[in-house]
PDB file of N, CA and C in Angstrom:
ATOM      1  N   UNK A   1     126.392 102.943 150.798  1.00  0.00           N
ATOM      2  CA  UNK A   1     127.354 103.717 150.036  1.00  0.00           C
ATOM      3  C   UNK A   1     128.673 102.967 149.901  1.00  0.00           C
ATOM      4  N   UNK A   2     129.066 102.246 150.938  1.00  0.00           N
ATOM      5  CA  UNK A   2     130.299 101.472 150.907  1.00  0.00           C
ATOM      6  C   UNK A   2     130.223 100.390 149.820  1.00  0.00           C
ATOM      7  N   UNK A   3     129.051  99.709 149.742  1.00  0.00           N
ATOM      8  CA  UNK A   3     128.863  98.679 148.721  1.00  0.00           C
ATOM      9  C   UNK A   3     128.943  99.277 147.329  1.00  0.00           C
ATOM     10  N   UNK A   4     128.360 100.477 147.160  1.00  0.00           N
ATOM     11  CA  UNK A   4     128.377 101.124 145.852  1.00  0.00           C
ATOM     12  C   UNK A   4     129.809 101.444 145.437  1.00  0.00           C
ATOM     13  N   UNK A   5     130.628 101.975 146.355  1.00  0.00           N
ATOM     14  CA  UNK A   5     132.015 102.290 146.028  1.00  0.00           C
ATOM     15  C   UNK A   5     132.773 101.034 145.623  1.00  0.00           C
ATOM     16  N   UNK A   6     132.522  99.921 146.326  1.00  0.00           N
ATOM     17  CA  UNK A   6     133.172  98.652 145.985  1.00  0.00           C
ATOM     18  C   UNK A   6     132.732  98.199 144.603  1.00  0.00           C
ATOM     19  N   UNK A   7     131.428  98.299 144.325  1.00  0.00           N
ATOM     20  CA  UNK A   7     130.889  97.914 143.022  1.00  0.00           C
ATOM     21  C   UNK A   7     131.533  98.748 141.915  1.00  0.00           C
ATOM     22  N   UNK A   8     131.595 100.064 142.099  1.00  0.00           N
ATOM     23  CA  UNK A   8     132.183 100.932 141.080  1.00  0.00           C
ATOM     24  C   UNK A   8     133.664 100.639 140.908  1.00  0.00           C
ATOM     25  N   UNK A   9     134.351 100.341 141.984  1.00  0.00           N
ATOM     26  CA  UNK A   9     135.762  99.981 141.908  1.00  0.00           C
ATOM     27  C   UNK A   9     135.948  98.725 141.052  1.00  0.00           C
ATOM     28  N   UNK A  10     135.106  97.728 141.267  1.00  0.00           N
ATOM     29  CA  UNK A  10     135.171  96.495 140.479  1.00  0.00           C
ATOM     30  C   UNK A  10     134.870  96.763 139.009  1.00  0.00           C
ATOM     31  N   UNK A  11     133.899  97.622 138.747  1.00  0.00           N
ATOM     32  CA  UNK A  11     133.565  97.948 137.357  1.00  0.00           C
ATOM     33  C   UNK A  11     134.736  98.630 136.662  1.00  0.00           C
ATOM     34  N   UNK A  12     135.427  99.546 137.368  1.00  0.00           N
ATOM     35  CA  UNK A  12     136.585 100.220 136.791  1.00  0.00           C
ATOM     36  C   UNK A  12     137.661  99.208 136.418  1.00  0.00           C
ATOM     37  N   UNK A  13     137.904  98.233 137.279  1.00  0.00           N
ATOM     38  CA  UNK A  13     138.921  97.215 137.032  1.00  0.00           C
ATOM     39  C   UNK A  13     138.572  96.368 135.813  1.00  0.00           C
ATOM     40  N   UNK A  14     137.285  96.090 135.635  1.00  0.00           N
ATOM     41  CA  UNK A  14     136.839  95.189 134.581  1.00  0.00           C
ATOM     42  C   UNK A  14     136.251  95.929 133.393  1.00  0.00           C
ATOM     43  N   UNK A  15     136.700  97.153 133.152  1.00  0.00           N
ATOM     44  CA  UNK A  15     136.126  97.964 132.082  1.00  0.00           C
ATOM     45  C   UNK A  15     136.386  97.338 130.716  1.00  0.00           C
ATOM     46  N   UNK A  16     135.318  96.949 130.064  1.00  0.00           N
ATOM     47  CA  UNK A  16     135.419  96.463 128.686  1.00  0.00           C
ATOM     48  C   UNK A  16     134.375  97.156 127.828  1.00  0.00           C
ATOM     49  N   UNK A  17     134.029  98.384 128.186  1.00  0.00           N
ATOM     50  CA  UNK A  17     132.963  99.105 127.489  1.00  0.00           C
ATOM     51  C   UNK A  17     133.498 100.149 126.515  1.00  0.00           C
ATOM     52  N   UNK A  18     134.770 100.140 126.205  1.00  0.00           N
ATOM     53  CA  UNK A  18     135.311 101.116 125.276  1.00  0.00           C
ATOM     54  C   UNK A  18     135.742 102.392 125.984  1.00  0.00           C
ATOM     55  N   UNK A  19     135.962 103.430 125.200  1.00  0.00           N
ATOM     56  CA  UNK A  19     136.468 104.694 125.733  1.00  0.00           C
ATOM     57  C   UNK A  19     135.435 105.408 126.591  1.00  0.00           C
ATOM     58  N   UNK A  20     135.853 105.789 127.778  1.00  0.00           N
ATOM     59  CA  UNK A  20     134.957 106.509 128.689  1.00  0.00           C
ATOM     60  C   UNK A  20     135.560 107.854 129.067  1.00  0.00           C
ATOM     61  N   UNK A  21     136.626 108.235 128.367  1.00  0.00           N
ATOM     62  CA  UNK A  21     137.354 109.448 128.739  1.00  0.00           C
ATOM     63  C   UNK A  21     136.496 110.711 128.653  1.00  0.00           C
ATOM     64  N   UNK A  22     135.493 110.725 127.787  1.00  0.00           N
ATOM     65  CA  UNK A  22     134.619 111.897 127.672  1.00  0.00           C
ATOM     66  C   UNK A  22     133.975 112.240 129.003  1.00  0.00           C
ATOM     67  N   UNK A  23     133.648 111.243 129.806  1.00  0.00           N
ATOM     68  CA  UNK A  23     132.926 111.448 131.060  1.00  0.00           C
ATOM     69  C   UNK A  23     133.829 111.646 132.276  1.00  0.00           C
ATOM     70  N   UNK A  24     135.111 111.385 132.115  1.00  0.00           N
ATOM     71  CA  UNK A  24     136.032 111.453 133.247  1.00  0.00           C
ATOM     72  C   UNK A  24     136.046 112.853 133.855  1.00  0.00           C
ATOM     73  N   UNK A  25     135.831 112.904 135.177  1.00  0.00           N
ATOM     74  CA  UNK A  25     135.853 114.147 135.947  1.00  0.00           C
ATOM     75  C   UNK A  25     134.809 115.176 135.486  1.00  0.00           C
ATOM     76  N   UNK A  26     133.745 114.713 134.858  1.00  0.00           N
ATOM     77  CA  UNK A  26     132.665 115.606 134.438  1.00  0.00           C
ATOM     78  C   UNK A  26     131.397 115.232 135.182  1.00  0.00           C
ATOM     79  N   UNK A  27     130.708 116.232 135.692  1.00  0.00           N
ATOM     80  CA  UNK A  27     129.417 115.981 136.331  1.00  0.00           C
ATOM     81  C   UNK A  27     128.508 115.334 135.288  1.00  0.00           C
ATOM     82  N   UNK A  28     127.922 114.189 135.644  1.00  0.00           N
ATOM     83  CA  UNK A  28     127.093 113.418 134.720  1.00  0.00           C
ATOM     84  C   UNK A  28     125.840 112.954 135.438  1.00  0.00           C
ATOM     85  N   UNK A  29     124.743 112.996 134.719  1.00  0.00           N
ATOM     86  CA  UNK A  29     123.464 112.569 135.279  1.00  0.00           C
ATOM     87  C   UNK A  29     123.082 111.216 134.682  1.00  0.00           C
ATOM     88  N   UNK A  30     122.852 110.252 135.551  1.00  0.00           N
ATOM     89  CA  UNK A  30     122.250 108.979 135.163  1.00  0.00           C
ATOM     90  C   UNK A  30     120.758 109.197 135.369  1.00  0.00           C
ATOM     91  N   UNK A  31     119.960 108.984 134.343  1.00  0.00           N
ATOM     92  CA  UNK A  31     118.542 109.291 134.465  1.00  0.00           C
ATOM     93  C   UNK A  31     117.667 108.143 133.973  1.00  0.00           C
ATOM     94  N   UNK A  32     116.458 108.149 134.485  1.00  0.00           N
ATOM     95  CA  UNK A  32     115.456 107.151 134.116  1.00  0.00           C
ATOM     96  C   UNK A  32     114.192 107.931 133.762  1.00  0.00           C
ATOM     97  N   UNK A  33     113.738 107.787 132.536  1.00  0.00           N
ATOM     98  CA  UNK A  33     112.568 108.518 132.072  1.00  0.00           C
ATOM     99  C   UNK A  33     111.527 107.581 131.486  1.00  0.00           C
ATOM    100  N   UNK A  34     110.311 108.070 131.412  1.00  0.00           N
ATOM    101  CA  UNK A  34     109.237 107.338 130.739  1.00  0.00           C
ATOM    102  C   UNK A  34     108.987 108.053 129.419  1.00  0.00           C
ATOM    103  N   UNK A  35     109.011 107.296 128.330  1.00  0.00           N
ATOM    104  CA  UNK A  35     108.758 107.826 126.987  1.00  0.00           C
ATOM    105  C   UNK A  35     107.506 107.132 126.474  1.00  0.00           C
ATOM    106  N   UNK A  36     106.420 107.898 126.358  1.00  0.00           N
ATOM    107  CA  UNK A  36     105.114 107.304 126.062  1.00  0.00           C
ATOM    108  C   UNK A  36     104.869 106.193 127.078  1.00  0.00           C
ATOM    109  N   UNK A  37     104.695 104.954 126.632  1.00  0.00           N
ATOM    110  CA  UNK A  37     104.489 103.858 127.586  1.00  0.00           C
ATOM    111  C   UNK A  37     105.765 103.046 127.842  1.00  0.00           C
ATOM    112  N   UNK A  38     106.904 103.549 127.391  1.00  0.00           N
ATOM    113  CA  UNK A  38     108.188 102.856 127.533  1.00  0.00           C
ATOM    114  C   UNK A  38     109.090 103.591 128.526  1.00  0.00           C
ATOM    115  N   UNK A  39     110.281 103.016 128.770  1.00  0.00           N
ATOM    116  CA  UNK A  39     111.221 103.569 129.739  1.00  0.00           C
ATOM    117  C   UNK A  39     112.608 103.640 129.116  1.00  0.00           C
ATOM    118  N   UNK A  40     113.447 104.515 129.662  1.00  0.00           N
ATOM    119  CA  UNK A  40     114.811 104.636 129.164  1.00  0.00           C
ATOM    120  C   UNK A  40     115.744 104.966 130.322  1.00  0.00           C
ATOM    121  N   UNK A  41     116.884 104.275 130.343  1.00  0.00           N
ATOM    122  CA  UNK A  41     117.958 104.574 131.292  1.00  0.00           C
ATOM    123  C   UNK A  41     119.138 105.055 130.454  1.00  0.00           C
ATOM    124  N   UNK A  42     119.708 106.193 130.850  1.00  0.00           N
ATOM    125  CA  UNK A  42     120.825 106.723 130.079  1.00  0.00           C
ATOM    126  C   UNK A  42     121.590 107.745 130.909  1.00  0.00           C
ATOM    127  N   UNK A  43     122.619 108.341 130.298  1.00  0.00           N
ATOM    128  CA  UNK A  43     123.412 109.358 130.980  1.00  0.00           C
ATOM    129  C   UNK A  43     123.539 110.588 130.086  1.00  0.00           C
ATOM    130  N   UNK A  44     123.793 111.719 130.731  1.00  0.00           N
ATOM    131  CA  UNK A  44     124.036 112.960 130.006  1.00  0.00           C
ATOM    132  C   UNK A  44     124.885 113.889 130.859  1.00  0.00           C
ATOM    133  N   UNK A  45     125.643 114.753 130.206  1.00  0.00           N
ATOM    134  CA  UNK A  45     126.398 115.775 130.919  1.00  0.00           C
ATOM    135  C   UNK A  45     125.620 117.093 130.931  1.00  0.00           C
ATOM    136  N   UNK A  46     124.477 117.104 130.260  1.00  0.00           N
ATOM    137  CA  UNK A  46     123.581 118.270 130.265  1.00  0.00           C
ATOM    138  C   UNK A  46     122.388 117.944 131.153  1.00  0.00           C
ATOM    139  N   UNK A  47     121.476 118.870 131.292  1.00  0.00           N
ATOM    140  CA  UNK A  47     120.241 118.547 132.007  1.00  0.00           C
ATOM    141  C   UNK A  47     119.414 117.624 131.113  1.00  0.00           C
ATOM    142  N   UNK A  48     118.551 116.835 131.723  1.00  0.00           N
ATOM    143  CA  UNK A  48     117.700 115.928 130.943  1.00  0.00           C
ATOM    144  C   UNK A  48     116.778 116.748 130.037  1.00  0.00           C
ATOM    145  N   UNK A  49     116.246 117.836 130.557  1.00  0.00           N
ATOM    146  CA  UNK A  49     115.363 118.699 129.759  1.00  0.00           C
ATOM    147  C   UNK A  49     116.092 119.223 128.517  1.00  0.00           C
ATOM    148  N   UNK A  50     117.318 119.683 128.707  1.00  0.00           N
ATOM    149  CA  UNK A  50     118.118 120.171 127.578  1.00  0.00           C
ATOM    150  C   UNK A  50     118.414 119.040 126.600  1.00  0.00           C
ATOM    151  N   UNK A  51     118.752 117.888 127.130  1.00  0.00           N
ATOM    152  CA  UNK A  51     119.060 116.717 126.284  1.00  0.00           C
ATOM    153  C   UNK A  51     117.886 116.351 125.382  1.00  0.00           C
ATOM    154  N   UNK A  52     116.678 116.417 125.919  1.00  0.00           N
ATOM    155  CA  UNK A  52     115.511 115.979 125.149  1.00  0.00           C
ATOM    156  C   UNK A  52     114.801 117.082 124.396  1.00  0.00           C
ATOM    157  N   UNK A  53     115.287 118.309 124.472  1.00  0.00           N
ATOM    158  CA  UNK A  53     114.663 119.392 123.719  1.00  0.00           C
ATOM    159  C   UNK A  53     114.800 119.160 122.216  1.00  0.00           C
ATOM    160  N   UNK A  54     115.822 118.392 121.797  1.00  0.00           N
ATOM    161  CA  UNK A  54     116.024 118.134 120.368  1.00  0.00           C
ATOM    162  C   UNK A  54     115.966 116.646 120.007  1.00  0.00           C
ATOM    163  N   UNK A  55     115.699 115.779 120.959  1.00  0.00           N
ATOM    164  CA  UNK A  55     115.718 114.335 120.719  1.00  0.00           C
ATOM    165  C   UNK A  55     114.356 113.741 120.343  1.00  0.00           C
ATOM    166  N   UNK A  56     113.292 114.391 120.742  1.00  0.00           N
ATOM    167  CA  UNK A  56     111.951 113.844 120.579  1.00  0.00           C
ATOM    168  C   UNK A  56     111.534 113.869 119.113  1.00  0.00           C
ATOM    169  N   UNK A  57     110.943 112.771 118.650  1.00  0.00           N
ATOM    170  CA  UNK A  57     110.416 112.677 117.291  1.00  0.00           C
ATOM    171  C   UNK A  57     108.894 112.702 117.359  1.00  0.00           C
ATOM    172  N   UNK A  58     108.268 113.555 116.575  1.00  0.00           N
ATOM    173  CA  UNK A  58     106.809 113.593 116.472  1.00  0.00           C
ATOM    174  C   UNK A  58     106.114 113.856 117.791  1.00  0.00           C
ATOM    175  N   UNK A  59     105.121 113.040 118.092  1.00  0.00           N
ATOM    176  CA  UNK A  59     104.281 113.208 119.272  1.00  0.00           C
ATOM    177  C   UNK A  59     104.813 112.467 120.500  1.00  0.00           C
ATOM    178  N   UNK A  60     106.054 112.071 120.474  1.00  0.00           N
ATOM    179  CA  UNK A  60     106.658 111.370 121.596  1.00  0.00           C
ATOM    180  C   UNK A  60     106.693 112.290 122.814  1.00  0.00           C
ATOM    181  N   UNK A  61     106.274 111.771 123.948  1.00  0.00           N
ATOM    182  CA  UNK A  61     106.242 112.530 125.192  1.00  0.00           C
ATOM    183  C   UNK A  61     107.153 111.843 126.207  1.00  0.00           C
ATOM    184  N   UNK A  62     107.751 112.595 127.103  1.00  0.00           N
ATOM    185  CA  UNK A  62     108.588 111.975 128.131  1.00  0.00           C
ATOM    186  C   UNK A  62     108.345 112.611 129.492  1.00  0.00           C
ATOM    187  N   UNK A  63     108.653 111.835 130.532  1.00  0.00           N
ATOM    188  CA  UNK A  63     108.540 112.298 131.913  1.00  0.00           C
ATOM    189  C   UNK A  63     109.758 111.783 132.670  1.00  0.00           C
ATOM    190  N   UNK A  64     110.413 112.670 133.416  1.00  0.00           N
ATOM    191  CA  UNK A  64     111.570 112.258 134.215  1.00  0.00           C
ATOM    192  C   UNK A  64     111.057 111.524 135.451  1.00  0.00           C
ATOM    193  N   UNK A  65     111.516 110.292 135.623  1.00  0.00           N
ATOM    194  CA  UNK A  65     111.138 109.504 136.803  1.00  0.00           C
ATOM    195  C   UNK A  65     112.165 109.710 137.910  1.00  0.00           C
ATOM    196  N   UNK A  66     113.442 109.642 137.565  1.00  0.00           N
ATOM    197  CA  UNK A  66     114.480 109.771 138.590  1.00  0.00           C
ATOM    198  C   UNK A  66     115.793 110.186 137.927  1.00  0.00           C
ATOM    199  N   UNK A  67     116.584 110.966 138.672  1.00  0.00           N
ATOM    200  CA  UNK A  67     117.914 111.375 138.232  1.00  0.00           C
ATOM    201  C   UNK A  67     118.901 111.156 139.375  1.00  0.00           C
ATOM    202  N   UNK A  68     120.113 110.724 139.023  1.00  0.00           N
ATOM    203  CA  UNK A  68     121.194 110.569 139.984  1.00  0.00           C
ATOM    204  C   UNK A  68     122.397 111.330 139.424  1.00  0.00           C
ATOM    205  N   UNK A  69     122.992 112.198 140.222  1.00  0.00           N
ATOM    206  CA  UNK A  69     124.113 113.022 139.767  1.00  0.00           C
ATOM    207  C   UNK A  69     125.421 112.432 140.283  1.00  0.00           C
ATOM    208  N   UNK A  70     126.383 112.305 139.382  1.00  0.00           N
ATOM    209  CA  UNK A  70     127.715 111.791 139.712  1.00  0.00           C
ATOM    210  C   UNK A  70     128.747 112.877 139.409  1.00  0.00           C
ATOM    211  N   UNK A  71     129.642 113.126 140.340  1.00  0.00           N
ATOM    212  CA  UNK A  71     130.703 114.112 140.115  1.00  0.00           C
ATOM    213  C   UNK A  71     131.692 113.631 139.063  1.00  0.00           C
ATOM    214  N   UNK A  72     131.932 112.339 139.032  1.00  0.00           N
ATOM    215  CA  UNK A  72     132.805 111.740 138.010  1.00  0.00           C
ATOM    216  C   UNK A  72     131.929 110.888 137.100  1.00  0.00           C
ATOM    217  N   UNK A  73     131.771 111.330 135.871  1.00  0.00           N
ATOM    218  CA  UNK A  73     130.899 110.655 134.922  1.00  0.00           C
ATOM    219  C   UNK A  73     131.281 109.226 134.612  1.00  0.00           C
ATOM    220  N   UNK A  74     132.522 108.858 134.898  1.00  0.00           N
ATOM    221  CA  UNK A  74     132.936 107.471 134.681  1.00  0.00           C
ATOM    222  C   UNK A  74     132.069 106.537 135.517  1.00  0.00           C
ATOM    223  N   UNK A  75     131.763 106.935 136.742  1.00  0.00           N
ATOM    224  CA  UNK A  75     130.915 106.101 137.594  1.00  0.00           C
ATOM    225  C   UNK A  75     129.528 105.930 136.982  1.00  0.00           C
ATOM    226  N   UNK A  76     128.951 107.021 136.486  1.00  0.00           N
ATOM    227  CA  UNK A  76     127.630 106.951 135.844  1.00  0.00           C
ATOM    228  C   UNK A  76     127.685 106.091 134.591  1.00  0.00           C
ATOM    229  N   UNK A  77     128.743 106.266 133.794  1.00  0.00           N
ATOM    230  CA  UNK A  77     128.919 105.507 132.558  1.00  0.00           C
ATOM    231  C   UNK A  77     128.975 104.008 132.839  1.00  0.00           C
ATOM    232  N   UNK A  78     129.793 103.641 133.808  1.00  0.00           N
ATOM    233  CA  UNK A  78     129.970 102.226 134.127  1.00  0.00           C
ATOM    234  C   UNK A  78     128.683 101.619 134.686  1.00  0.00           C
ATOM    235  N   UNK A  79     128.015 102.355 135.532  1.00  0.00           N
ATOM    236  CA  UNK A  79     126.772 101.873 136.124  1.00  0.00           C
ATOM    237  C   UNK A  79     125.697 101.696 135.057  1.00  0.00           C
ATOM    238  N   UNK A  80     125.599 102.675 134.163  1.00  0.00           N
ATOM    239  CA  UNK A  80     124.628 102.574 133.061  1.00  0.00           C
ATOM    240  C   UNK A  80     124.889 101.313 132.231  1.00  0.00           C
ATOM    241  N   UNK A  81     126.131 101.073 131.889  1.00  0.00           N
ATOM    242  CA  UNK A  81     126.466  99.895 131.075  1.00  0.00           C
ATOM    243  C   UNK A  81     126.119  98.603 131.804  1.00  0.00           C
ATOM    244  N   UNK A  82     126.411  98.556 133.097  1.00  0.00           N
ATOM    245  CA  UNK A  82     126.098  97.341 133.853  1.00  0.00           C
ATOM    246  C   UNK A  82     124.589  97.099 133.878  1.00  0.00           C
ATOM    247  N   UNK A  83     123.823  98.147 134.110  1.00  0.00           N
ATOM    248  CA  UNK A  83     122.362  98.014 134.144  1.00  0.00           C
ATOM    249  C   UNK A  83     121.846  97.561 132.784  1.00  0.00           C
ATOM    250  N   UNK A  84     122.276  98.235 131.712  1.00  0.00           N
ATOM    251  CA  UNK A  84     121.795  97.888 130.366  1.00  0.00           C
ATOM    252  C   UNK A  84     122.180  96.460 129.983  1.00  0.00           C
ATOM    253  N   UNK A  85     123.363  96.028 130.377  1.00  0.00           N
ATOM    254  CA  UNK A  85     123.796  94.658 130.063  1.00  0.00           C
ATOM    255  C   UNK A  85     122.981  93.604 130.797  1.00  0.00           C
ATOM    256  N   UNK A  86     122.296  93.991 131.855  1.00  0.00           N
ATOM    257  CA  UNK A  86     121.520  93.030 132.638  1.00  0.00           C
ATOM    258  C   UNK A  86     120.014  93.133 132.426  1.00  0.00           C
ATOM    259  N   UNK A  87     119.604  93.904 131.430  1.00  0.00           N
ATOM    260  CA  UNK A  87     118.182  93.974 131.098  1.00  0.00           C
ATOM    261  C   UNK A  87     117.853  92.793 130.197  1.00  0.00           C
ATOM    262  N   UNK A  88     116.776  92.128 130.526  1.00  0.00           N
ATOM    263  CA  UNK A  88     116.339  90.970 129.768  1.00  0.00           C
ATOM    264  C   UNK A  88     116.062  91.381 128.319  1.00  0.00           C
ATOM    265  N   UNK A  89     116.568  90.595 127.359  1.00  0.00           N
ATOM    266  CA  UNK A  89     116.377  90.903 125.932  1.00  0.00           C
ATOM    267  C   UNK A  89     114.912  91.089 125.558  1.00  0.00           C
ATOM    268  N   UNK A  90     114.033  90.325 126.181  1.00  0.00           N
ATOM    269  CA  UNK A  90     112.607  90.432 125.829  1.00  0.00           C
ATOM    270  C   UNK A  90     112.013  91.767 126.275  1.00  0.00           C
ATOM    271  N   UNK A  91     112.702  92.475 127.170  1.00  0.00           N
ATOM    272  CA  UNK A  91     112.225  93.772 127.651  1.00  0.00           C
ATOM    273  C   UNK A  91     112.834  94.950 126.894  1.00  0.00           C
ATOM    274  N   UNK A  92     113.684  94.676 125.918  1.00  0.00           N
ATOM    275  CA  UNK A  92     114.297  95.747 125.126  1.00  0.00           C
ATOM    276  C   UNK A  92     113.354  96.164 124.000  1.00  0.00           C
ATOM    277  N   UNK A  93     113.187  97.461 123.839  1.00  0.00           N
ATOM    278  CA  UNK A  93     112.293  98.028 122.822  1.00  0.00           C
ATOM    279  C   UNK A  93     112.830  97.733 121.422  1.00  0.00           C
ATOM    280  N   UNK A  94     111.938  97.287 120.530  1.00  0.00           N
ATOM    281  CA  UNK A  94     112.348  96.941 119.170  1.00  0.00           C
ATOM    282  C   UNK A  94     111.470  97.613 118.115  1.00  0.00           C
ATOM    283  N   UNK A  95     110.707  98.616 118.511  1.00  0.00           N
ATOM    284  CA  UNK A  95     109.785  99.280 117.586  1.00  0.00           C
ATOM    285  C   UNK A  95     110.414 100.420 116.802  1.00  0.00           C
ATOM    286  N   UNK A  96     109.536 101.266 116.250  1.00  0.00           N
ATOM    287  CA  UNK A  96     109.966 102.439 115.489  1.00  0.00           C
ATOM    288  C   UNK A  96     110.791 103.371 116.359  1.00  0.00           C
ATOM    289  N   UNK A  97     111.622 104.183 115.709  1.00  0.00           N
ATOM    290  CA  UNK A  97     112.425 105.157 116.458  1.00  0.00           C
ATOM    291  C   UNK A  97     111.507 106.148 117.164  1.00  0.00           C
ATOM    292  N   UNK A  98     111.740 106.326 118.461  1.00  0.00           N
ATOM    293  CA  UNK A  98     111.016 107.329 119.232  1.00  0.00           C
ATOM    294  C   UNK A  98     111.862 108.579 119.415  1.00  0.00           C
ATOM    295  N   UNK A  99     113.189 108.402 119.320  1.00  0.00           N
ATOM    296  CA  UNK A  99     114.143 109.481 119.551  1.00  0.00           C
ATOM    297  C   UNK A  99     115.120 109.551 118.388  1.00  0.00           C
ATOM    298  N   UNK A 100     115.767 110.684 118.241  1.00  0.00           N
ATOM    299  CA  UNK A 100     116.772 110.822 117.181  1.00  0.00           C
ATOM    300  C   UNK A 100     117.978 109.914 117.432  1.00  0.00           C
ATOM    301  N   UNK A 101     118.292 109.663 118.706  1.00  0.00           N
ATOM    302  CA  UNK A 101     119.374 108.742 119.061  1.00  0.00           C
ATOM    303  C   UNK A 101     119.062 108.125 120.416  1.00  0.00           C
ATOM    304  N   UNK A 102     119.714 107.011 120.732  1.00  0.00           N
ATOM    305  CA  UNK A 102     119.536 106.376 122.035  1.00  0.00           C
ATOM    306  C   UNK A 102     118.345 105.436 122.128  1.00  0.00           C
ATOM    307  N   UNK A 103     117.808 104.998 121.009  1.00  0.00           N
ATOM    308  CA  UNK A 103     116.654 104.103 121.030  1.00  0.00           C
ATOM    309  C   UNK A 103     116.993 102.717 121.583  1.00  0.00           C
ATOM    310  N   UNK A 104     118.265 102.335 121.531  1.00  0.00           N
ATOM    311  CA  UNK A 104     118.661 101.017 122.047  1.00  0.00           C
ATOM    312  C   UNK A 104     118.615 100.967 123.570  1.00  0.00           C
ATOM    313  N   UNK A 105     118.466 102.107 124.225  1.00  0.00           N
ATOM    314  CA  UNK A 105     118.397 102.164 125.693  1.00  0.00           C
ATOM    315  C   UNK A 105     116.946 102.203 126.200  1.00  0.00           C
ATOM    316  N   UNK A 106     116.005 102.043 125.283  1.00  0.00           N
ATOM    317  CA  UNK A 106     114.582 102.059 125.648  1.00  0.00           C
ATOM    318  C   UNK A 106     114.148 100.642 125.992  1.00  0.00           C
ATOM    319  N   UNK A 107     113.359 100.530 127.051  1.00  0.00           N
ATOM    320  CA  UNK A 107     112.856  99.225 127.490  1.00  0.00           C
ATOM    321  C   UNK A 107     111.334  99.270 127.627  1.00  0.00           C
ATOM    322  N   UNK A 108     110.737  98.105 127.601  1.00  0.00           N
ATOM    323  CA  UNK A 108     109.267  98.021 127.607  1.00  0.00           C
ATOM    324  C   UNK A 108     108.683  97.787 128.991  1.00  0.00           C
ATOM    325  N   UNK A 109     109.524  97.516 129.964  1.00  0.00           N
ATOM    326  CA  UNK A 109     109.070  97.190 131.312  1.00  0.00           C
ATOM    327  C   UNK A 109     109.725  98.148 132.302  1.00  0.00           C
ATOM    328  N   UNK A 110     109.025  98.477 133.380  1.00  0.00           N
ATOM    329  CA  UNK A 110     109.565  99.375 134.399  1.00  0.00           C
ATOM    330  C   UNK A 110     110.613  98.649 135.239  1.00  0.00           C
ATOM    331  N   UNK A 111     111.846  99.144 135.215  1.00  0.00           N
ATOM    332  CA  UNK A 111     112.981  98.555 135.942  1.00  0.00           C
ATOM    333  C   UNK A 111     113.436  99.425 137.100  1.00  0.00           C
ATOM    334  N   UNK A 112     112.621 100.366 137.560  1.00  0.00           N
ATOM    335  CA  UNK A 112     113.081 101.326 138.573  1.00  0.00           C
ATOM    336  C   UNK A 112     113.606 100.641 139.835  1.00  0.00           C
ATOM    337  N   UNK A 113     112.941  99.612 140.320  1.00  0.00           N
ATOM    338  CA  UNK A 113     113.412  98.942 141.540  1.00  0.00           C
ATOM    339  C   UNK A 113     114.766  98.272 141.328  1.00  0.00           C
ATOM    340  N   UNK A 114     114.949  97.666 140.181  1.00  0.00           N
ATOM    341  CA  UNK A 114     116.225  97.018 139.862  1.00  0.00           C
ATOM    342  C   UNK A 114     117.324  98.070 139.728  1.00  0.00           C
ATOM    343  N   UNK A 115     117.008  99.174 139.062  1.00  0.00           N
ATOM    344  CA  UNK A 115     117.986 100.254 138.889  1.00  0.00           C
ATOM    345  C   UNK A 115     118.386 100.826 140.244  1.00  0.00           C
ATOM    346  N   UNK A 116     117.414 101.061 141.102  1.00  0.00           N
ATOM    347  CA  UNK A 116     117.734 101.596 142.428  1.00  0.00           C
ATOM    348  C   UNK A 116     118.576 100.620 143.241  1.00  0.00           C
ATOM    349  N   UNK A 117     118.382  99.322 143.042  1.00  0.00           N
ATOM    350  CA  UNK A 117     119.243  98.338 143.703  1.00  0.00           C
ATOM    351  C   UNK A 117     120.691  98.480 143.222  1.00  0.00           C
ATOM    352  N   UNK A 118     120.878  98.701 141.928  1.00  0.00           N
ATOM    353  CA  UNK A 118     122.229  98.935 141.409  1.00  0.00           C
ATOM    354  C   UNK A 118     122.807 100.215 142.009  1.00  0.00           C
ATOM    355  N   UNK A 119     122.022 101.277 141.999  1.00  0.00           N
ATOM    356  CA  UNK A 119     122.475 102.563 142.520  1.00  0.00           C
ATOM    357  C   UNK A 119     122.886 102.436 143.985  1.00  0.00           C
ATOM    358  N   UNK A 120     122.116 101.699 144.740  1.00  0.00           N
ATOM    359  CA  UNK A 120     122.403 101.531 146.159  1.00  0.00           C
ATOM    360  C   UNK A 120     123.455 100.456 146.440  1.00  0.00           C
ATOM    361  N   UNK A 121     124.004  99.865 145.380  1.00  0.00           N
ATOM    362  CA  UNK A 121     125.079  98.894 145.534  1.00  0.00           C
ATOM    363  C   UNK A 121     124.628  97.535 146.010  1.00  0.00           C
ATOM    364  N   UNK A 122     123.350  97.230 145.832  1.00  0.00           N
ATOM    365  CA  UNK A 122     122.835  95.954 146.312  1.00  0.00           C
ATOM    366  C   UNK A 122     123.004  94.823 145.306  1.00  0.00           C
ATOM    367  N   UNK A 123     123.271  95.170 144.061  1.00  0.00           N
ATOM    368  CA  UNK A 123     123.443  94.150 143.029  1.00  0.00           C
ATOM    369  C   UNK A 123     124.918  94.115 142.650  1.00  0.00           C
ATOM    370  N   UNK A 124     125.578  92.971 142.867  1.00  0.00           N
ATOM    371  CA  UNK A 124     127.017  92.892 142.560  1.00  0.00           C
ATOM    372  C   UNK A 124     127.287  92.891 141.061  1.00  0.00           C
TER     373      UNK A 124
END
């Protein structure tokens, strides 16, 4: 937990991800889901179920793999950006739209172990 706080502190100092004020002091969920045979890492201030009740296109199916709740959404926002910035380009989904929005956060390979390393503060 100490490493994670240090990591988040460093991310706050080096914020170059644009406006994050929407998430400040708001409970936010960083989530990892499986969409058909693909994966997605993202954040929401609603429940994941509520978020995806209107996002799914056609026969797209999803399953929640893991959720992490942050009292201050800025931490979730920054962590999500760091994880997405470190996903290998060849693992980024480039097919047809599966969702109404957020398709750029879909990946073709399971990154759960890497994501959990970020969450646990093991990746600087």
